[in-house]
Structures are given as structure tokens and as C-alpha cells.
Amino acid sequence: MKFVHIFIPILSLLLIPACNNSRAMANKRVKTEIHFGRTGGFTNIPVEYLINSKGEVLRLSAGNPETVNLIPSKRLKSIIRELNRIDFQHIESDDPGNISYFIKVRTREYENSVRWNDLTPNDTLKNIYKELLTTLRPDQ
């Protein structure tokens, strides 16, 4: 019985670093992901989209991602350049309202989320959000 009391703590100490390493490895594999959408309103049903590193635009709802569009890599690179130009990594905004809009960007280098409403005085966020909304429609 003493053996069990000694063995379990030692085993726990050996397994804890393994969990941390797998989490770090998962972060290293992450390519650019851009989440955007809105929450609130009368129904309070969230609407969330994801643009992944392959240029797939997915609607995320009820754990069932649905492909909405596929944007060319040139367009995806243009969006990423715009996010870098506005220094999205360092933008801070957490201003929810009746209807809240959000953008979350996750890259290998950083992860940042911003949230705002119609009355928030930040045209930079509103303009990049409008640009992201155009990815929902196939190019014509």
C-alpha cells in the first residue's frame, strides 16, 4: 500500500511536463485563423465565421462548421497585410452593446480579440469588419 502512495505522486510529476509540451506544440502548429461575427440583438443568436489558412470561409454554428466560400490566397494575404498595417495585434477594444461585433485573430506570433458596438468610435475596426464580411460572398 505504501508503494501506491509513493508511486502516484511520482507518476504525476512525470506526466505534468508532457501536458505542457503538447500544448506548446499545438500552438506552434497554428496557422493564421480569423474569427469574426456578431452577438446580441433581439434573438441573441451569435453569428460567427472563420477564415482559415487555406482561405476557407466557414460559418461556425452548433459545432457544425459549414463552408460558405473559398477565397484566393492572394485575397487572404491582402487581409493579413491589412491586419498587420493597422497593428491589430495591439488594438484593445472591449465595448459590448446591444449588438456586439467581434474579430479574433490567432497566429503563431499572437492572439488578440476585439469587441465593439455600433456606437464605438473606431472606424478602423468597422472598416476591417466590412472587408471581412465581403469574404462571405463569392467573387463575381
N, C-alpha and C. Protein backbone atom coordinates (compact mmCIF):
# COMPACT_ATOMS: atom_id res chain seq x y z
N MET A 1 0.81 -1.19 0.00
CA MET A 1 0.00 0.00 0.00
C MET A 1 0.86 1.25 0.00
N LYS A 2 2.00 1.19 0.73
CA LYS A 2 2.91 2.33 0.74
C LYS A 2 3.43 2.61 -0.66
N PHE A 3 3.62 1.55 -1.41
CA PHE A 3 4.13 1.69 -2.78
C PHE A 3 3.21 2.57 -3.61
N VAL A 4 1.90 2.41 -3.50
CA VAL A 4 0.92 3.19 -4.25
C VAL A 4 1.00 4.66 -3.85
N HIS A 5 1.16 4.93 -2.56
CA HIS A 5 1.23 6.31 -2.07
C HIS A 5 2.48 7.02 -2.58
N ILE A 6 3.51 6.31 -2.85
CA ILE A 6 4.75 6.91 -3.37
C ILE A 6 4.72 6.96 -4.89
N PHE A 7 4.19 5.91 -5.50
CA PHE A 7 4.20 5.80 -6.96
C PHE A 7 3.32 6.84 -7.64
N ILE A 8 2.13 7.10 -7.14
CA ILE A 8 1.19 8.03 -7.77
C ILE A 8 1.74 9.46 -7.81
N PRO A 9 2.28 10.01 -6.73
CA PRO A 9 2.84 11.37 -6.83
C PRO A 9 4.02 11.46 -7.81
N ILE A 10 4.84 10.43 -7.83
CA ILE A 10 5.98 10.45 -8.75
C ILE A 10 5.49 10.38 -10.19
N LEU A 11 4.52 9.54 -10.45
CA LEU A 11 3.95 9.43 -11.80
C LEU A 11 3.31 10.75 -12.22
N SER A 12 2.62 11.40 -11.30
CA SER A 12 2.00 12.70 -11.60
C SER A 12 3.05 13.73 -11.99
N LEU A 13 4.14 13.77 -11.26
CA LEU A 13 5.21 14.72 -11.57
C LEU A 13 5.83 14.47 -12.94
N LEU A 14 5.88 13.23 -13.33
CA LEU A 14 6.45 12.89 -14.63
C LEU A 14 5.51 13.23 -15.78
N LEU A 15 4.20 13.17 -15.55
CA LEU A 15 3.23 13.40 -16.62
C LEU A 15 2.89 14.88 -16.82
N ILE A 16 3.04 15.71 -15.83
CA ILE A 16 2.69 17.14 -15.97
C ILE A 16 3.48 17.81 -17.09
N PRO A 17 4.79 17.65 -17.19
CA PRO A 17 5.51 18.29 -18.31
C PRO A 17 5.05 17.80 -19.68
N ALA A 18 4.58 16.58 -19.77
CA ALA A 18 4.10 16.06 -21.05
C ALA A 18 2.89 16.86 -21.53
N CYS A 19 2.00 17.25 -20.62
CA CYS A 19 0.83 18.05 -20.99
C CYS A 19 1.24 19.42 -21.49
N ASN A 20 2.18 20.03 -20.82
CA ASN A 20 2.64 21.36 -21.23
C ASN A 20 3.31 21.33 -22.59
N ASN A 21 4.07 20.30 -22.87
CA ASN A 21 4.74 20.21 -24.16
C ASN A 21 3.75 20.03 -25.29
N SER A 22 2.71 19.24 -25.08
CA SER A 22 1.74 19.04 -26.15
C SER A 22 0.97 20.32 -26.42
N ARG A 23 0.69 21.14 -25.39
CA ARG A 23 0.01 22.41 -25.56
C ARG A 23 0.91 23.37 -26.35
N ALA A 24 2.20 23.39 -26.03
CA ALA A 24 3.14 24.25 -26.74
C ALA A 24 3.27 23.81 -28.20
N MET A 25 3.29 22.52 -28.43
CA MET A 25 3.39 22.02 -29.80
C MET A 25 2.14 22.39 -30.59
N ALA A 26 0.98 22.35 -29.97
CA ALA A 26 -0.27 22.71 -30.66
C ALA A 26 -0.22 24.18 -31.07
N ASN A 27 0.30 25.04 -30.22
CA ASN A 27 0.39 26.46 -30.56
C ASN A 27 1.37 26.71 -31.70
N LYS A 28 2.43 25.92 -31.78
CA LYS A 28 3.40 26.09 -32.86
C LYS A 28 2.81 25.70 -34.21
N ARG A 29 1.84 24.78 -34.22
CA ARG A 29 1.24 24.34 -35.47
C ARG A 29 0.16 25.28 -35.97
N VAL A 30 -0.30 26.18 -35.13
CA VAL A 30 -1.41 27.06 -35.51
C VAL A 30 -0.98 27.99 -36.63
N LYS A 31 -1.75 27.99 -37.68
CA LYS A 31 -1.55 28.96 -38.73
C LYS A 31 -2.58 30.06 -38.51
N THR A 32 -2.60 31.04 -39.36
CA THR A 32 -3.49 32.17 -39.15
C THR A 32 -4.95 31.74 -39.20
N GLU A 33 -5.70 32.18 -38.20
CA GLU A 33 -7.15 31.99 -38.15
C GLU A 33 -7.76 33.35 -37.85
N ILE A 34 -8.80 33.71 -38.58
CA ILE A 34 -9.50 34.96 -38.36
C ILE A 34 -10.96 34.63 -38.08
N HIS A 35 -11.40 34.89 -36.86
CA HIS A 35 -12.79 34.71 -36.46
C HIS A 35 -13.45 36.08 -36.47
N PHE A 36 -14.68 36.15 -36.92
CA PHE A 36 -15.41 37.42 -36.86
C PHE A 36 -16.90 37.12 -36.84
N GLY A 37 -17.66 38.10 -36.35
CA GLY A 37 -19.10 37.91 -36.30
C GLY A 37 -19.76 38.91 -35.38
N ARG A 38 -20.96 38.54 -34.92
CA ARG A 38 -21.72 39.44 -34.05
C ARG A 38 -22.52 38.60 -33.06
N THR A 39 -22.88 39.24 -31.97
CA THR A 39 -23.72 38.62 -30.95
C THR A 39 -24.74 39.65 -30.48
N GLY A 40 -25.76 39.18 -29.81
CA GLY A 40 -26.75 40.09 -29.24
C GLY A 40 -27.95 40.28 -30.13
N GLY A 41 -28.58 41.43 -29.98
CA GLY A 41 -29.80 41.71 -30.74
C GLY A 41 -31.00 41.05 -30.10
N PHE A 42 -32.12 41.10 -30.79
CA PHE A 42 -33.38 40.60 -30.26
C PHE A 42 -33.31 39.10 -29.93
N THR A 43 -32.72 38.31 -30.83
CA THR A 43 -32.68 36.86 -30.62
C THR A 43 -31.45 36.41 -29.83
N ASN A 44 -30.43 37.26 -29.79
CA ASN A 44 -29.17 36.95 -29.12
C ASN A 44 -28.53 35.66 -29.65
N ILE A 45 -28.73 35.38 -30.91
CA ILE A 45 -28.11 34.22 -31.54
C ILE A 45 -26.77 34.67 -32.13
N PRO A 46 -25.68 34.10 -31.66
CA PRO A 46 -24.38 34.51 -32.19
C PRO A 46 -24.19 34.04 -33.64
N VAL A 47 -23.52 34.87 -34.41
CA VAL A 47 -23.16 34.53 -35.78
C VAL A 47 -21.64 34.63 -35.84
N GLU A 48 -20.98 33.51 -36.14
CA GLU A 48 -19.52 33.51 -36.16
C GLU A 48 -19.01 32.85 -37.43
N TYR A 49 -17.99 33.48 -38.00
CA TYR A 49 -17.33 32.97 -39.19
C TYR A 49 -15.85 32.79 -38.90
N LEU A 50 -15.23 31.91 -39.65
CA LEU A 50 -13.80 31.64 -39.52
C LEU A 50 -13.18 31.61 -40.90
N ILE A 51 -12.09 32.34 -41.07
CA ILE A 51 -11.27 32.21 -42.28
C ILE A 51 -10.01 31.49 -41.84
N ASN A 52 -9.79 30.30 -42.40
CA ASN A 52 -8.59 29.55 -42.02
C ASN A 52 -7.44 29.82 -42.99
N SER A 53 -6.31 29.21 -42.73
CA SER A 53 -5.10 29.46 -43.52
C SER A 53 -5.20 28.93 -44.95
N LYS A 54 -6.20 28.11 -45.24
CA LYS A 54 -6.41 27.61 -46.60
C LYS A 54 -7.31 28.53 -47.41
N GLY A 55 -7.85 29.58 -46.74
CA GLY A 55 -8.76 30.50 -47.42
C GLY A 55 -10.21 30.05 -47.37
N GLU A 56 -10.48 29.01 -46.60
CA GLU A 56 -11.87 28.56 -46.45
C GLU A 56 -12.58 29.50 -45.48
N VAL A 57 -13.76 29.95 -45.88
CA VAL A 57 -14.59 30.77 -45.01
C VAL A 57 -15.69 29.85 -44.50
N LEU A 58 -15.71 29.65 -43.19
CA LEU A 58 -16.64 28.72 -42.57
C LEU A 58 -17.60 29.45 -41.64
N ARG A 59 -18.84 29.04 -41.63
CA ARG A 59 -19.79 29.54 -40.63
C ARG A 59 -19.81 28.53 -39.50
N LEU A 60 -19.53 29.01 -38.29
CA LEU A 60 -19.49 28.13 -37.13
C LEU A 60 -20.80 28.24 -36.39
N SER A 61 -21.52 27.15 -36.33
CA SER A 61 -22.77 27.15 -35.59
C SER A 61 -23.05 25.75 -35.07
N ALA A 62 -23.39 25.67 -33.82
CA ALA A 62 -23.76 24.40 -33.18
C ALA A 62 -22.74 23.29 -33.42
N GLY A 63 -21.46 23.65 -33.40
CA GLY A 63 -20.42 22.65 -33.58
C GLY A 63 -20.36 22.03 -34.95
N ASN A 64 -21.04 22.63 -35.91
CA ASN A 64 -21.11 22.11 -37.27
C ASN A 64 -20.57 23.14 -38.25
N PRO A 65 -19.27 23.18 -38.52
CA PRO A 65 -18.77 24.18 -39.47
C PRO A 65 -19.32 23.94 -40.88
N GLU A 66 -19.77 25.01 -41.49
CA GLU A 66 -20.33 24.93 -42.84
C GLU A 66 -19.51 25.85 -43.75
N THR A 67 -19.00 25.31 -44.85
CA THR A 67 -18.22 26.12 -45.78
C THR A 67 -19.13 27.10 -46.51
N VAL A 68 -18.76 28.38 -46.45
CA VAL A 68 -19.54 29.44 -47.07
C VAL A 68 -18.89 29.88 -48.38
N ASN A 69 -17.56 29.92 -48.37
CA ASN A 69 -16.83 30.44 -49.53
C ASN A 69 -15.38 29.96 -49.45
N LEU A 70 -14.68 30.11 -50.54
CA LEU A 70 -13.24 29.85 -50.59
C LEU A 70 -12.61 31.06 -51.25
N ILE A 71 -11.75 31.76 -50.50
CA ILE A 71 -11.12 32.96 -51.07
C ILE A 71 -9.73 32.60 -51.57
N PRO A 72 -9.27 33.27 -52.62
CA PRO A 72 -7.92 33.00 -53.14
C PRO A 72 -6.85 33.39 -52.11
N SER A 73 -5.72 32.73 -52.18
CA SER A 73 -4.63 33.01 -51.24
C SER A 73 -4.18 34.47 -51.34
N LYS A 74 -4.26 35.04 -52.54
CA LYS A 74 -3.89 36.45 -52.72
C LYS A 74 -4.78 37.36 -51.88
N ARG A 75 -6.07 37.05 -51.83
CA ARG A 75 -7.01 37.85 -51.04
C ARG A 75 -6.76 37.66 -49.55
N LEU A 76 -6.49 36.43 -49.14
CA LEU A 76 -6.19 36.16 -47.73
C LEU A 76 -4.93 36.91 -47.31
N LYS A 77 -3.92 36.89 -48.14
CA LYS A 77 -2.68 37.62 -47.82
C LYS A 77 -2.94 39.11 -47.72
N SER A 78 -3.83 39.62 -48.56
CA SER A 78 -4.18 41.04 -48.52
C SER A 78 -4.86 41.39 -47.19
N ILE A 79 -5.74 40.53 -46.71
CA ILE A 79 -6.41 40.75 -45.43
C ILE A 79 -5.40 40.71 -44.29
N ILE A 80 -4.49 39.75 -44.34
CA ILE A 80 -3.46 39.64 -43.29
C ILE A 80 -2.56 40.87 -43.30
N ARG A 81 -2.20 41.35 -44.50
CA ARG A 81 -1.39 42.58 -44.59
C ARG A 81 -2.12 43.76 -43.97
N GLU A 82 -3.43 43.84 -44.22
CA GLU A 82 -4.22 44.94 -43.66
C GLU A 82 -4.27 44.84 -42.13
N LEU A 83 -4.43 43.64 -41.61
CA LEU A 83 -4.41 43.46 -40.15
C LEU A 83 -3.06 43.88 -39.57
N ASN A 84 -1.99 43.57 -40.27
CA ASN A 84 -0.66 44.00 -39.83
C ASN A 84 -0.50 45.51 -39.93
N ARG A 85 -1.04 46.09 -41.00
CA ARG A 85 -0.92 47.54 -41.21
C ARG A 85 -1.60 48.32 -40.09
N ILE A 86 -2.77 47.85 -39.65
CA ILE A 86 -3.48 48.55 -38.59
C ILE A 86 -2.98 48.12 -37.20
N ASP A 87 -1.96 47.27 -37.16
CA ASP A 87 -1.36 46.78 -35.92
C ASP A 87 -2.41 46.12 -35.03
N PHE A 88 -3.17 45.20 -35.64
CA PHE A 88 -4.26 44.53 -34.93
C PHE A 88 -3.79 43.86 -33.65
N GLN A 89 -2.57 43.39 -33.66
CA GLN A 89 -2.01 42.69 -32.50
C GLN A 89 -2.11 43.54 -31.24
N HIS A 90 -2.03 44.86 -31.37
CA HIS A 90 -2.01 45.75 -30.21
C HIS A 90 -3.30 46.56 -30.02
N ILE A 91 -4.30 46.32 -30.84
CA ILE A 91 -5.57 47.04 -30.67
C ILE A 91 -6.31 46.47 -29.47
N GLU A 92 -6.80 47.36 -28.62
CA GLU A 92 -7.58 46.94 -27.47
C GLU A 92 -8.97 47.56 -27.57
N SER A 93 -9.99 46.73 -27.54
CA SER A 93 -11.36 47.21 -27.55
C SER A 93 -12.25 46.13 -26.95
N ASP A 94 -12.93 46.49 -25.90
CA ASP A 94 -13.90 45.59 -25.28
C ASP A 94 -15.10 46.44 -24.90
N ASP A 95 -15.93 46.73 -25.89
CA ASP A 95 -17.05 47.66 -25.73
C ASP A 95 -18.33 47.01 -26.24
N PRO A 96 -18.89 46.05 -25.48
CA PRO A 96 -20.10 45.37 -25.94
C PRO A 96 -21.30 46.30 -25.90
N GLY A 97 -22.29 45.97 -26.70
CA GLY A 97 -23.53 46.73 -26.73
C GLY A 97 -24.70 45.79 -26.97
N ASN A 98 -25.83 46.35 -27.36
CA ASN A 98 -27.00 45.53 -27.67
C ASN A 98 -26.63 44.53 -28.77
N ILE A 99 -26.00 45.04 -29.82
CA ILE A 99 -25.42 44.16 -30.83
C ILE A 99 -23.91 44.41 -30.79
N SER A 100 -23.15 43.37 -30.52
CA SER A 100 -21.70 43.48 -30.43
C SER A 100 -21.07 42.77 -31.61
N TYR A 101 -20.02 43.37 -32.14
CA TYR A 101 -19.25 42.79 -33.24
C TYR A 101 -17.90 42.39 -32.69
N PHE A 102 -17.31 41.37 -33.29
CA PHE A 102 -16.00 40.93 -32.78
C PHE A 102 -15.11 40.45 -33.92
N ILE A 103 -13.82 40.56 -33.67
CA ILE A 103 -12.79 39.98 -34.54
C ILE A 103 -11.76 39.36 -33.61
N LYS A 104 -11.38 38.14 -33.91
CA LYS A 104 -10.33 37.45 -33.15
C LYS A 104 -9.33 36.92 -34.17
N VAL A 105 -8.08 37.27 -33.98
CA VAL A 105 -7.04 36.79 -34.89
C VAL A 105 -6.06 35.96 -34.06
N ARG A 106 -5.76 34.80 -34.59
CA ARG A 106 -4.81 33.89 -33.94
C ARG A 106 -3.74 33.51 -34.96
N THR A 107 -2.50 33.80 -34.62
CA THR A 107 -1.37 33.43 -35.47
C THR A 107 -0.34 32.71 -34.61
N ARG A 108 0.77 32.34 -35.21
CA ARG A 108 1.86 31.75 -34.42
C ARG A 108 2.46 32.77 -33.47
N GLU A 109 2.40 34.05 -33.86
CA GLU A 109 3.04 35.10 -33.08
C GLU A 109 2.14 35.68 -31.99
N TYR A 110 0.85 35.73 -32.23
CA TYR A 110 -0.03 36.39 -31.25
C TYR A 110 -1.47 35.91 -31.40
N GLU A 111 -2.26 36.29 -30.39
CA GLU A 111 -3.70 36.08 -30.41
C GLU A 111 -4.33 37.33 -29.79
N ASN A 112 -5.29 37.92 -30.49
CA ASN A 112 -5.94 39.12 -29.99
C ASN A 112 -7.41 39.11 -30.39
N SER A 113 -8.25 39.57 -29.46
CA SER A 113 -9.68 39.68 -29.71
C SER A 113 -10.12 41.10 -29.41
N VAL A 114 -11.02 41.61 -30.24
CA VAL A 114 -11.61 42.92 -30.00
C VAL A 114 -13.13 42.80 -30.13
N ARG A 115 -13.84 43.67 -29.40
CA ARG A 115 -15.29 43.66 -29.43
C ARG A 115 -15.77 45.10 -29.36
N TRP A 116 -16.79 45.43 -30.14
CA TRP A 116 -17.31 46.79 -30.17
C TRP A 116 -18.78 46.77 -30.54
N ASN A 117 -19.42 47.94 -30.49
CA ASN A 117 -20.82 48.06 -30.87
C ASN A 117 -20.96 49.20 -31.88
N ASP A 118 -22.19 49.46 -32.31
CA ASP A 118 -22.42 50.49 -33.33
C ASP A 118 -21.98 51.88 -32.89
N LEU A 119 -21.99 52.14 -31.59
CA LEU A 119 -21.66 53.47 -31.09
C LEU A 119 -20.17 53.65 -30.78
N THR A 120 -19.41 52.58 -30.85
CA THR A 120 -17.97 52.66 -30.57
C THR A 120 -17.29 53.48 -31.66
N PRO A 121 -16.53 54.51 -31.26
CA PRO A 121 -15.88 55.38 -32.26
C PRO A 121 -14.55 54.79 -32.76
N ASN A 122 -14.60 53.71 -33.51
CA ASN A 122 -13.38 53.12 -34.05
C ASN A 122 -13.64 52.69 -35.49
N ASP A 123 -13.41 53.62 -36.42
CA ASP A 123 -13.65 53.33 -37.84
C ASP A 123 -12.70 52.28 -38.38
N THR A 124 -11.51 52.16 -37.80
CA THR A 124 -10.55 51.16 -38.27
C THR A 124 -11.13 49.76 -38.12
N LEU A 125 -11.68 49.46 -36.95
CA LEU A 125 -12.28 48.14 -36.72
C LEU A 125 -13.49 47.93 -37.62
N LYS A 126 -14.31 48.95 -37.74
CA LYS A 126 -15.52 48.82 -38.56
C LYS A 126 -15.18 48.57 -40.02
N ASN A 127 -14.12 49.21 -40.51
CA ASN A 127 -13.72 49.03 -41.91
C ASN A 127 -13.14 47.65 -42.17
N ILE A 128 -12.31 47.14 -41.25
CA ILE A 128 -11.76 45.80 -41.46
C ILE A 128 -12.87 44.76 -41.33
N TYR A 129 -13.86 45.02 -40.48
CA TYR A 129 -15.00 44.11 -40.34
C TYR A 129 -15.79 44.07 -41.65
N LYS A 130 -16.01 45.23 -42.25
CA LYS A 130 -16.72 45.28 -43.55
C LYS A 130 -15.94 44.49 -44.61
N GLU A 131 -14.62 44.61 -44.57
CA GLU A 131 -13.78 43.85 -45.51
C GLU A 131 -13.95 42.35 -45.27
N LEU A 132 -13.97 41.94 -44.03
CA LEU A 132 -14.15 40.52 -43.71
C LEU A 132 -15.52 40.02 -44.17
N LEU A 133 -16.55 40.87 -44.03
CA LEU A 133 -17.88 40.47 -44.48
C LEU A 133 -17.92 40.21 -45.99
N THR A 134 -17.09 40.90 -46.76
CA THR A 134 -17.09 40.68 -48.22
C THR A 134 -16.57 39.29 -48.58
N THR A 135 -15.88 38.63 -47.66
CA THR A 135 -15.38 37.27 -47.94
C THR A 135 -16.49 36.24 -47.93
N LEU A 136 -17.66 36.63 -47.45
CA LEU A 136 -18.79 35.68 -47.37
C LEU A 136 -19.43 35.45 -48.73
N ARG A 137 -19.24 36.39 -49.64
CA ARG A 137 -19.83 36.28 -50.97
C ARG A 137 -18.77 35.81 -51.97
N PRO A 138 -19.13 34.91 -52.84
CA PRO A 138 -18.19 34.52 -53.90
C PRO A 138 -17.87 35.72 -54.78
N ASP A 139 -16.60 35.80 -55.21
CA ASP A 139 -16.21 36.90 -56.11
C ASP A 139 -17.01 36.81 -57.39
N GLN A 140 -17.46 37.96 -57.85
CA GLN A 140 -18.26 37.97 -59.07
C GLN A 140 -17.52 38.62 -60.19
